Amino acid sequence: MLKTQIEAVAYSIPDVAQELATGRYRLTIKESAKFHHMNLITNSHAYTDIFSTMVWRIFEVPIHRPFVTTDSPVSFYNSMIDPSEEASPGLTGTLVFFPLSPCHMLELRHPQKDGCSKERYLDRLPIQQLQGGYIKVEIGYLRPDRIVDQINWDTGFFGG
């Protein structure tokens, strides 16, 4: 999302667009800018509403197969969107991953995702207000090694 916004501005300036097209200029986004952008969007009311209506699940894995943790830990993943693009948390099939430790992961998922076809993973969900004022957090889920590997790959920590 951040890259798309920066590119839109850069390509709107004719001289910059020409230099980008010839390869003389290259856009690079620092990790700190990504983290700052994530902080901005998670503090917006739209994302707060989206995250609050998702199912929050904390799961655990054995220490011999840890999650990769970084200083920019939040990842949006949707299997129907190319890994080089940022999935929107407002789409049915998007998962939000946040490693809490090498052995614990917070996963946010839309309840609408369960049981729906992959073709519906790109459906936009209406923004809703949290009902009752509480977020339900489910704990006690164990994940096998192959799931940890898949999450590490899907979130771009390996090869992404």
N, C-alpha and C. Protein backbone atom coordinates (compact mmCIF):
# COMPACT_ATOMS: atom_id res chain seq x y z
N MET A 1 0.83 -1.18 0.00
CA MET A 1 0.00 0.00 0.00
C MET A 1 0.88 1.26 0.00
N LEU A 2 1.86 1.28 0.89
CA LEU A 2 2.75 2.42 0.99
C LEU A 2 3.52 2.61 -0.32
N LYS A 3 4.03 1.52 -0.87
CA LYS A 3 4.79 1.59 -2.12
C LYS A 3 3.91 2.13 -3.25
N THR A 4 2.68 1.68 -3.31
CA THR A 4 1.75 2.14 -4.35
C THR A 4 1.50 3.64 -4.22
N GLN A 5 1.34 4.12 -3.00
CA GLN A 5 1.11 5.55 -2.78
C GLN A 5 2.33 6.37 -3.19
N ILE A 6 3.51 5.91 -2.83
CA ILE A 6 4.73 6.65 -3.17
C ILE A 6 4.95 6.63 -4.67
N GLU A 7 4.73 5.48 -5.31
CA GLU A 7 4.89 5.40 -6.76
C GLU A 7 3.91 6.33 -7.48
N ALA A 8 2.68 6.42 -6.98
CA ALA A 8 1.69 7.30 -7.62
C ALA A 8 2.16 8.74 -7.61
N VAL A 9 2.73 9.17 -6.50
CA VAL A 9 3.25 10.54 -6.42
C VAL A 9 4.46 10.69 -7.33
N ALA A 10 5.39 9.74 -7.26
CA ALA A 10 6.62 9.83 -8.07
C ALA A 10 6.31 9.86 -9.56
N TYR A 11 5.40 8.98 -10.02
CA TYR A 11 5.08 8.93 -11.45
C TYR A 11 4.23 10.11 -11.90
N SER A 12 3.67 10.87 -10.98
CA SER A 12 2.91 12.06 -11.37
C SER A 12 3.82 13.25 -11.68
N ILE A 13 5.10 13.13 -11.35
CA ILE A 13 6.08 14.18 -11.64
C ILE A 13 6.84 13.75 -12.90
N PRO A 14 6.64 14.43 -14.02
CA PRO A 14 7.17 13.97 -15.30
C PRO A 14 8.68 13.67 -15.30
N ASP A 15 9.49 14.55 -14.74
CA ASP A 15 10.94 14.32 -14.74
C ASP A 15 11.32 13.07 -13.92
N VAL A 16 10.66 12.91 -12.79
CA VAL A 16 10.94 11.73 -11.95
C VAL A 16 10.45 10.47 -12.64
N ALA A 17 9.27 10.52 -13.24
CA ALA A 17 8.72 9.36 -13.95
C ALA A 17 9.66 8.90 -15.06
N GLN A 18 10.23 9.87 -15.78
CA GLN A 18 11.15 9.53 -16.87
C GLN A 18 12.41 8.85 -16.32
N GLU A 19 12.96 9.36 -15.24
CA GLU A 19 14.16 8.77 -14.64
C GLU A 19 13.87 7.38 -14.06
N LEU A 20 12.68 7.19 -13.51
CA LEU A 20 12.29 5.87 -13.00
C LEU A 20 12.15 4.88 -14.15
N ALA A 21 11.56 5.34 -15.26
CA ALA A 21 11.35 4.47 -16.42
C ALA A 21 12.68 4.03 -17.04
N THR A 22 13.67 4.91 -17.02
CA THR A 22 14.97 4.55 -17.60
C THR A 22 15.84 3.74 -16.64
N GLY A 23 15.41 3.67 -15.40
CA GLY A 23 16.18 2.91 -14.41
C GLY A 23 17.24 3.72 -13.69
N ARG A 24 17.31 5.00 -14.01
CA ARG A 24 18.30 5.85 -13.35
C ARG A 24 17.95 6.08 -11.88
N TYR A 25 16.65 6.21 -11.58
CA TYR A 25 16.17 6.32 -10.21
C TYR A 25 15.50 5.01 -9.81
N ARG A 26 15.55 4.72 -8.54
CA ARG A 26 14.87 3.54 -8.01
C ARG A 26 14.24 3.92 -6.68
N LEU A 27 13.01 3.50 -6.45
CA LEU A 27 12.33 3.78 -5.19
C LEU A 27 12.66 2.67 -4.19
N THR A 28 13.10 3.07 -3.02
CA THR A 28 13.40 2.12 -1.95
C THR A 28 12.68 2.60 -0.70
N ILE A 29 11.99 1.68 -0.05
CA ILE A 29 11.25 2.02 1.16
C ILE A 29 11.95 1.36 2.34
N LYS A 30 12.38 2.16 3.28
CA LYS A 30 13.06 1.64 4.46
C LYS A 30 12.07 0.91 5.36
N GLU A 31 12.56 -0.07 6.10
CA GLU A 31 11.72 -0.81 7.03
C GLU A 31 11.07 0.13 8.05
N SER A 32 11.80 1.14 8.50
CA SER A 32 11.25 2.05 9.49
C SER A 32 10.04 2.80 8.93
N ALA A 33 10.06 3.11 7.64
CA ALA A 33 8.91 3.78 7.01
C ALA A 33 7.71 2.85 6.94
N LYS A 34 7.97 1.57 6.68
CA LYS A 34 6.88 0.59 6.65
C LYS A 34 6.22 0.49 8.02
N PHE A 35 7.05 0.44 9.05
CA PHE A 35 6.53 0.33 10.41
C PHE A 35 5.72 1.58 10.78
N HIS A 36 6.24 2.75 10.41
CA HIS A 36 5.53 4.00 10.69
C HIS A 36 4.18 4.01 9.96
N HIS A 37 4.17 3.56 8.70
CA HIS A 37 2.93 3.52 7.93
C HIS A 37 1.93 2.56 8.57
N MET A 38 2.40 1.40 9.02
CA MET A 38 1.52 0.44 9.69
C MET A 38 0.92 1.06 10.95
N ASN A 39 1.73 1.79 11.67
CA ASN A 39 1.25 2.46 12.87
C ASN A 39 0.16 3.47 12.52
N LEU A 40 0.35 4.21 11.44
CA LEU A 40 -0.65 5.19 11.02
C LEU A 40 -1.97 4.52 10.65
N ILE A 41 -1.90 3.44 9.86
CA ILE A 41 -3.15 2.83 9.42
C ILE A 41 -3.85 2.07 10.53
N THR A 42 -3.09 1.49 11.46
CA THR A 42 -3.76 0.77 12.54
C THR A 42 -4.39 1.73 13.53
N ASN A 43 -3.96 2.98 13.53
CA ASN A 43 -4.58 3.96 14.40
C ASN A 43 -5.76 4.65 13.74
N SER A 44 -6.04 4.32 12.47
CA SER A 44 -7.21 4.91 11.83
C SER A 44 -8.45 4.15 12.30
N HIS A 45 -9.57 4.83 12.33
CA HIS A 45 -10.80 4.21 12.80
C HIS A 45 -11.24 3.05 11.93
N ALA A 46 -11.02 3.15 10.62
CA ALA A 46 -11.45 2.08 9.72
C ALA A 46 -10.74 0.78 10.08
N TYR A 47 -9.42 0.84 10.26
CA TYR A 47 -8.68 -0.39 10.58
C TYR A 47 -8.99 -0.86 11.99
N THR A 48 -9.20 0.04 12.91
CA THR A 48 -9.57 -0.36 14.26
C THR A 48 -10.88 -1.13 14.21
N ASP A 49 -11.83 -0.67 13.44
CA ASP A 49 -13.11 -1.36 13.31
C ASP A 49 -12.93 -2.73 12.63
N ILE A 50 -12.10 -2.78 11.59
CA ILE A 50 -11.87 -4.05 10.90
C ILE A 50 -11.22 -5.05 11.86
N PHE A 51 -10.16 -4.64 12.53
CA PHE A 51 -9.44 -5.56 13.43
C PHE A 51 -10.33 -6.00 14.59
N SER A 52 -11.16 -5.11 15.09
CA SER A 52 -11.97 -5.45 16.26
C SER A 52 -13.07 -6.46 15.94
N THR A 53 -13.48 -6.58 14.68
CA THR A 53 -14.52 -7.54 14.34
C THR A 53 -13.94 -8.86 13.82
N MET A 54 -12.62 -8.97 13.79
CA MET A 54 -11.98 -10.22 13.37
C MET A 54 -11.88 -11.16 14.57
N VAL A 55 -11.67 -12.44 14.27
CA VAL A 55 -11.44 -13.44 15.31
C VAL A 55 -9.95 -13.39 15.65
N TRP A 56 -9.64 -13.18 16.92
CA TRP A 56 -8.26 -13.11 17.40
C TRP A 56 -7.91 -14.46 17.99
N ARG A 57 -6.85 -15.06 17.49
CA ARG A 57 -6.47 -16.39 17.93
C ARG A 57 -4.96 -16.41 18.19
N ILE A 58 -4.59 -16.85 19.37
CA ILE A 58 -3.17 -17.00 19.70
C ILE A 58 -2.84 -18.48 19.65
N PHE A 59 -1.85 -18.82 18.84
CA PHE A 59 -1.46 -20.22 18.82
C PHE A 59 0.02 -20.37 19.12
N GLU A 60 0.37 -21.60 19.46
CA GLU A 60 1.71 -21.91 19.96
C GLU A 60 2.33 -22.99 19.09
N VAL A 61 3.65 -22.94 19.00
CA VAL A 61 4.41 -23.96 18.27
C VAL A 61 5.59 -24.40 19.13
N PRO A 62 6.13 -25.57 18.85
CA PRO A 62 7.30 -26.03 19.62
C PRO A 62 8.51 -25.13 19.38
N ILE A 63 9.39 -25.05 20.36
CA ILE A 63 10.57 -24.18 20.27
C ILE A 63 11.52 -24.59 19.14
N HIS A 64 11.49 -25.86 18.73
CA HIS A 64 12.40 -26.30 17.66
C HIS A 64 11.99 -25.77 16.28
N ARG A 65 10.80 -25.18 16.16
CA ARG A 65 10.35 -24.64 14.88
C ARG A 65 9.73 -23.27 15.12
N PRO A 66 10.56 -22.23 15.35
CA PRO A 66 10.03 -20.92 15.75
C PRO A 66 9.50 -20.10 14.59
N PHE A 67 8.66 -19.13 14.94
CA PHE A 67 8.26 -18.10 14.00
C PHE A 67 9.40 -17.11 13.88
N VAL A 68 9.53 -16.50 12.71
CA VAL A 68 10.51 -15.44 12.52
C VAL A 68 9.90 -14.17 13.09
N THR A 69 10.63 -13.48 13.94
CA THR A 69 10.16 -12.21 14.50
C THR A 69 11.09 -11.11 14.01
N THR A 70 10.51 -9.92 13.77
CA THR A 70 11.30 -8.79 13.27
C THR A 70 10.84 -7.53 13.98
N ASP A 71 11.47 -6.40 13.63
CA ASP A 71 11.05 -5.13 14.21
C ASP A 71 9.85 -4.54 13.43
N SER A 72 9.42 -5.21 12.38
CA SER A 72 8.24 -4.82 11.61
C SER A 72 7.36 -6.06 11.49
N PRO A 73 6.73 -6.45 12.57
CA PRO A 73 6.16 -7.79 12.64
C PRO A 73 4.80 -8.03 12.00
N VAL A 74 3.99 -7.02 11.79
CA VAL A 74 2.63 -7.26 11.31
C VAL A 74 2.63 -7.55 9.82
N SER A 75 1.98 -8.66 9.45
CA SER A 75 1.89 -9.04 8.03
C SER A 75 0.44 -9.32 7.68
N PHE A 76 0.03 -8.83 6.50
CA PHE A 76 -1.28 -9.14 5.95
C PHE A 76 -1.05 -10.17 4.86
N TYR A 77 -1.81 -11.26 4.89
CA TYR A 77 -1.64 -12.32 3.88
C TYR A 77 -3.00 -12.76 3.37
N ASN A 78 -3.10 -12.85 2.05
CA ASN A 78 -4.30 -13.36 1.39
C ASN A 78 -3.79 -14.23 0.24
N SER A 79 -4.15 -15.50 0.25
CA SER A 79 -3.63 -16.45 -0.75
C SER A 79 -4.00 -16.08 -2.18
N MET A 80 -4.96 -15.21 -2.37
CA MET A 80 -5.37 -14.81 -3.72
C MET A 80 -4.64 -13.56 -4.21
N ILE A 81 -3.74 -13.02 -3.39
CA ILE A 81 -2.99 -11.82 -3.77
C ILE A 81 -1.51 -12.17 -3.84
N ASP A 82 -0.86 -11.73 -4.89
CA ASP A 82 0.57 -12.00 -5.07
C ASP A 82 1.34 -11.56 -3.84
N PRO A 83 2.28 -12.40 -3.35
CA PRO A 83 3.02 -12.05 -2.13
C PRO A 83 3.80 -10.73 -2.21
N SER A 84 4.10 -10.27 -3.43
CA SER A 84 4.83 -9.00 -3.54
C SER A 84 3.91 -7.80 -3.31
N GLU A 85 2.61 -8.03 -3.30
CA GLU A 85 1.64 -6.97 -3.05
C GLU A 85 1.13 -7.07 -1.61
N GLU A 86 0.67 -5.97 -1.08
CA GLU A 86 0.14 -5.94 0.29
C GLU A 86 -1.35 -6.25 0.26
N ALA A 87 -1.76 -7.28 0.97
CA ALA A 87 -3.17 -7.64 1.05
C ALA A 87 -3.88 -6.66 1.99
N SER A 88 -5.09 -6.31 1.64
CA SER A 88 -5.87 -5.41 2.49
C SER A 88 -6.57 -6.19 3.59
N PRO A 89 -6.52 -5.71 4.83
CA PRO A 89 -7.23 -6.42 5.90
C PRO A 89 -8.74 -6.34 5.76
N GLY A 90 -9.24 -5.53 4.83
CA GLY A 90 -10.68 -5.42 4.61
C GLY A 90 -11.23 -6.45 3.65
N LEU A 91 -10.42 -7.41 3.20
CA LEU A 91 -10.86 -8.46 2.29
C LEU A 91 -11.12 -9.75 3.07
N THR A 92 -12.13 -10.49 2.68
CA THR A 92 -12.56 -11.69 3.40
C THR A 92 -11.42 -12.66 3.69
N GLY A 93 -10.56 -12.92 2.71
CA GLY A 93 -9.53 -13.95 2.86
C GLY A 93 -8.24 -13.50 3.48
N THR A 94 -8.15 -12.25 3.91
CA THR A 94 -6.90 -11.75 4.46
C THR A 94 -6.74 -12.16 5.92
N LEU A 95 -5.56 -12.67 6.22
CA LEU A 95 -5.16 -13.00 7.58
C LEU A 95 -4.16 -11.96 8.04
N VAL A 96 -4.20 -11.62 9.31
CA VAL A 96 -3.21 -10.72 9.89
C VAL A 96 -2.37 -11.56 10.84
N PHE A 97 -1.06 -11.55 10.62
CA PHE A 97 -0.14 -12.31 11.47
C PHE A 97 0.72 -11.36 12.27
N PHE A 98 0.86 -11.65 13.55
CA PHE A 98 1.70 -10.85 14.43
C PHE A 98 2.42 -11.79 15.38
N PRO A 99 3.70 -12.13 15.08
CA PRO A 99 4.44 -12.99 16.00
C PRO A 99 4.65 -12.28 17.33
N LEU A 100 4.22 -12.93 18.41
CA LEU A 100 4.39 -12.37 19.74
C LEU A 100 5.71 -12.80 20.36
N SER A 101 6.17 -13.95 19.96
CA SER A 101 7.44 -14.51 20.40
C SER A 101 7.80 -15.58 19.38
N PRO A 102 8.97 -16.18 19.47
CA PRO A 102 9.27 -17.26 18.52
C PRO A 102 8.30 -18.43 18.59
N CYS A 103 7.60 -18.59 19.69
CA CYS A 103 6.69 -19.73 19.86
C CYS A 103 5.21 -19.35 19.90
N HIS A 104 4.88 -18.07 19.81
CA HIS A 104 3.48 -17.64 19.90
C HIS A 104 3.15 -16.65 18.78
N MET A 105 2.02 -16.87 18.14
CA MET A 105 1.58 -16.03 17.04
C MET A 105 0.15 -15.57 17.30
N LEU A 106 -0.08 -14.28 17.08
CA LEU A 106 -1.44 -13.75 17.07
C LEU A 106 -1.89 -13.75 15.62
N GLU A 107 -3.02 -14.40 15.37
CA GLU A 107 -3.60 -14.44 14.03
C GLU A 107 -4.98 -13.81 14.11
N LEU A 108 -5.25 -12.87 13.21
CA LEU A 108 -6.58 -12.28 13.10
C LEU A 108 -7.17 -12.76 11.78
N ARG A 109 -8.40 -13.23 11.83
CA ARG A 109 -9.06 -13.71 10.62
C ARG A 109 -10.52 -13.27 10.65
N HIS A 110 -11.07 -13.05 9.48
CA HIS A 110 -12.48 -12.69 9.38
C HIS A 110 -13.32 -13.94 9.59
N PRO A 111 -14.36 -13.87 10.41
CA PRO A 111 -15.22 -15.04 10.58
C PRO A 111 -15.88 -15.47 9.26
N GLN A 112 -16.03 -14.54 8.33
CA GLN A 112 -16.64 -14.83 7.04
C GLN A 112 -15.76 -15.74 6.18
N LYS A 113 -14.46 -15.80 6.51
CA LYS A 113 -13.51 -16.61 5.73
C LYS A 113 -13.78 -18.09 5.90
N ASP A 114 -14.14 -18.48 7.09
CA ASP A 114 -14.36 -19.89 7.37
C ASP A 114 -15.52 -20.43 6.53
N GLY A 115 -15.22 -21.42 5.74
CA GLY A 115 -16.25 -22.06 4.92
C GLY A 115 -16.51 -21.41 3.58
N CYS A 116 -15.86 -20.27 3.28
CA CYS A 116 -16.12 -19.64 1.98
C CYS A 116 -15.11 -20.15 0.94
N SER A 117 -15.46 -20.04 -0.31
CA SER A 117 -14.59 -20.49 -1.39
C SER A 117 -13.45 -19.49 -1.59
N LYS A 118 -12.34 -19.98 -2.18
CA LYS A 118 -11.19 -19.10 -2.41
C LYS A 118 -11.55 -17.93 -3.33
N GLU A 119 -12.50 -18.13 -4.22
CA GLU A 119 -12.92 -17.05 -5.12
C GLU A 119 -13.50 -15.87 -4.34
N ARG A 120 -14.00 -16.13 -3.13
CA ARG A 120 -14.62 -15.08 -2.32
C ARG A 120 -13.60 -14.39 -1.42
N TYR A 121 -12.33 -14.83 -1.43
CA TYR A 121 -11.30 -14.24 -0.57
C TYR A 121 -11.04 -12.78 -0.90
N LEU A 122 -11.44 -12.34 -2.08
CA LEU A 122 -11.22 -10.94 -2.48
C LEU A 122 -12.45 -10.07 -2.25
N ASP A 123 -13.49 -10.64 -1.67
CA ASP A 123 -14.69 -9.85 -1.36
C ASP A 123 -14.36 -8.80 -0.31
N ARG A 124 -14.82 -7.57 -0.55
CA ARG A 124 -14.64 -6.50 0.43
C ARG A 124 -15.71 -6.63 1.50
N LEU A 125 -15.28 -6.50 2.74
CA LEU A 125 -16.22 -6.59 3.86
C LEU A 125 -16.64 -5.19 4.29
N PRO A 126 -17.90 -5.02 4.66
CA PRO A 126 -18.31 -3.70 5.15
C PRO A 126 -17.66 -3.43 6.50
N ILE A 127 -17.35 -2.18 6.74
CA ILE A 127 -16.77 -1.81 8.04
C ILE A 127 -17.90 -1.79 9.05
N GLN A 128 -17.69 -2.52 10.14
CA GLN A 128 -18.70 -2.64 11.17
C GLN A 128 -18.13 -2.20 12.50
N GLN A 129 -19.00 -1.77 13.36
CA GLN A 129 -18.59 -1.42 14.72
C GLN A 129 -18.57 -2.67 15.58
N LEU A 130 -17.65 -2.72 16.52
CA LEU A 130 -17.58 -3.82 17.47
C LEU A 130 -18.85 -3.84 18.30
N GLN A 131 -19.46 -5.00 18.41
CA GLN A 131 -20.68 -5.16 19.19
C GLN A 131 -20.32 -5.60 20.61
N GLY A 132 -20.84 -4.94 21.62
CA GLY A 132 -20.63 -5.35 23.00
C GLY A 132 -19.36 -4.81 23.63
N GLY A 133 -18.47 -4.22 22.85
CA GLY A 133 -17.29 -3.59 23.42
C GLY A 133 -16.14 -4.51 23.77
N TYR A 134 -16.23 -5.81 23.47
CA TYR A 134 -15.16 -6.74 23.81
C TYR A 134 -14.69 -7.50 22.59
N ILE A 135 -13.39 -7.78 22.56
CA ILE A 135 -12.82 -8.62 21.52
C ILE A 135 -12.56 -9.99 22.14
N LYS A 136 -13.06 -11.01 21.50
CA LYS A 136 -12.84 -12.37 21.99
C LYS A 136 -11.48 -12.85 21.49
N VAL A 137 -10.65 -13.30 22.42
CA VAL A 137 -9.33 -13.83 22.07
C VAL A 137 -9.34 -15.31 22.40
N GLU A 138 -9.08 -16.13 21.39
CA GLU A 138 -9.03 -17.58 21.58
C GLU A 138 -7.59 -18.00 21.78
N ILE A 139 -7.33 -18.86 22.75
CA ILE A 139 -5.97 -19.33 23.02
C ILE A 139 -5.97 -20.85 23.10
N GLY A 140 -4.76 -21.40 23.13
CA GLY A 140 -4.62 -22.84 23.32
C GLY A 140 -4.54 -23.64 22.04
N TYR A 141 -4.31 -22.98 20.92
CA TYR A 141 -4.20 -23.69 19.65
C TYR A 141 -2.74 -24.08 19.41
N LEU A 142 -2.52 -25.29 18.97
CA LEU A 142 -1.19 -25.76 18.61
C LEU A 142 -1.12 -25.88 17.10
N ARG A 143 0.01 -25.54 16.52
CA ARG A 143 0.19 -25.64 15.08
C ARG A 143 1.34 -26.58 14.78
N PRO A 144 1.20 -27.42 13.74
CA PRO A 144 2.30 -28.31 13.36
C PRO A 144 3.42 -27.54 12.65
N ASP A 145 4.58 -28.17 12.56
CA ASP A 145 5.77 -27.54 11.96
C ASP A 145 5.49 -26.99 10.57
N ARG A 146 4.76 -27.75 9.75
CA ARG A 146 4.54 -27.31 8.36
C ARG A 146 3.77 -25.99 8.31
N ILE A 147 2.89 -25.74 9.28
CA ILE A 147 2.14 -24.48 9.32
C ILE A 147 3.06 -23.32 9.66
N VAL A 148 4.00 -23.54 10.59
CA VAL A 148 4.96 -22.49 10.94
C VAL A 148 5.79 -22.15 9.72
N ASP A 149 6.28 -23.16 9.01
CA ASP A 149 7.06 -22.92 7.80
C ASP A 149 6.24 -22.14 6.78
N GLN A 150 4.99 -22.53 6.60
CA GLN A 150 4.13 -21.85 5.63
C GLN A 150 3.90 -20.39 6.02
N ILE A 151 3.65 -20.13 7.29
CA ILE A 151 3.43 -18.74 7.73
C ILE A 151 4.71 -17.93 7.54
N ASN A 152 5.85 -18.48 7.89
CA ASN A 152 7.11 -17.77 7.69
C ASN A 152 7.34 -17.44 6.22
N TRP A 153 6.97 -18.36 5.30
CA TRP A 153 7.09 -18.09 3.87
C TRP A 153 6.04 -17.10 3.39
N ASP A 154 4.79 -17.31 3.80
CA ASP A 154 3.69 -16.46 3.33
C ASP A 154 3.86 -15.01 3.76
N THR A 155 4.42 -14.79 4.93
CA THR A 155 4.57 -13.43 5.43
C THR A 155 5.81 -12.76 4.85
N GLY A 156 6.56 -13.48 4.01
CA GLY A 156 7.69 -12.87 3.31
C GLY A 156 8.98 -12.89 4.09
N PHE A 157 9.01 -13.56 5.23
CA PHE A 157 10.25 -13.60 6.00
C PHE A 157 11.29 -14.48 5.32
N PHE A 158 10.85 -15.47 4.55
CA PHE A 158 11.75 -16.33 3.79
C PHE A 158 11.33 -16.27 2.34
N GLY A 159 12.21 -15.84 1.51
CA GLY A 159 11.99 -15.91 0.07
C GLY A 159 10.91 -15.00 -0.49
N GLY A 160 10.24 -14.18 0.33
CA GLY A 160 9.12 -13.38 -0.15
C GLY A 160 9.51 -12.09 -0.74
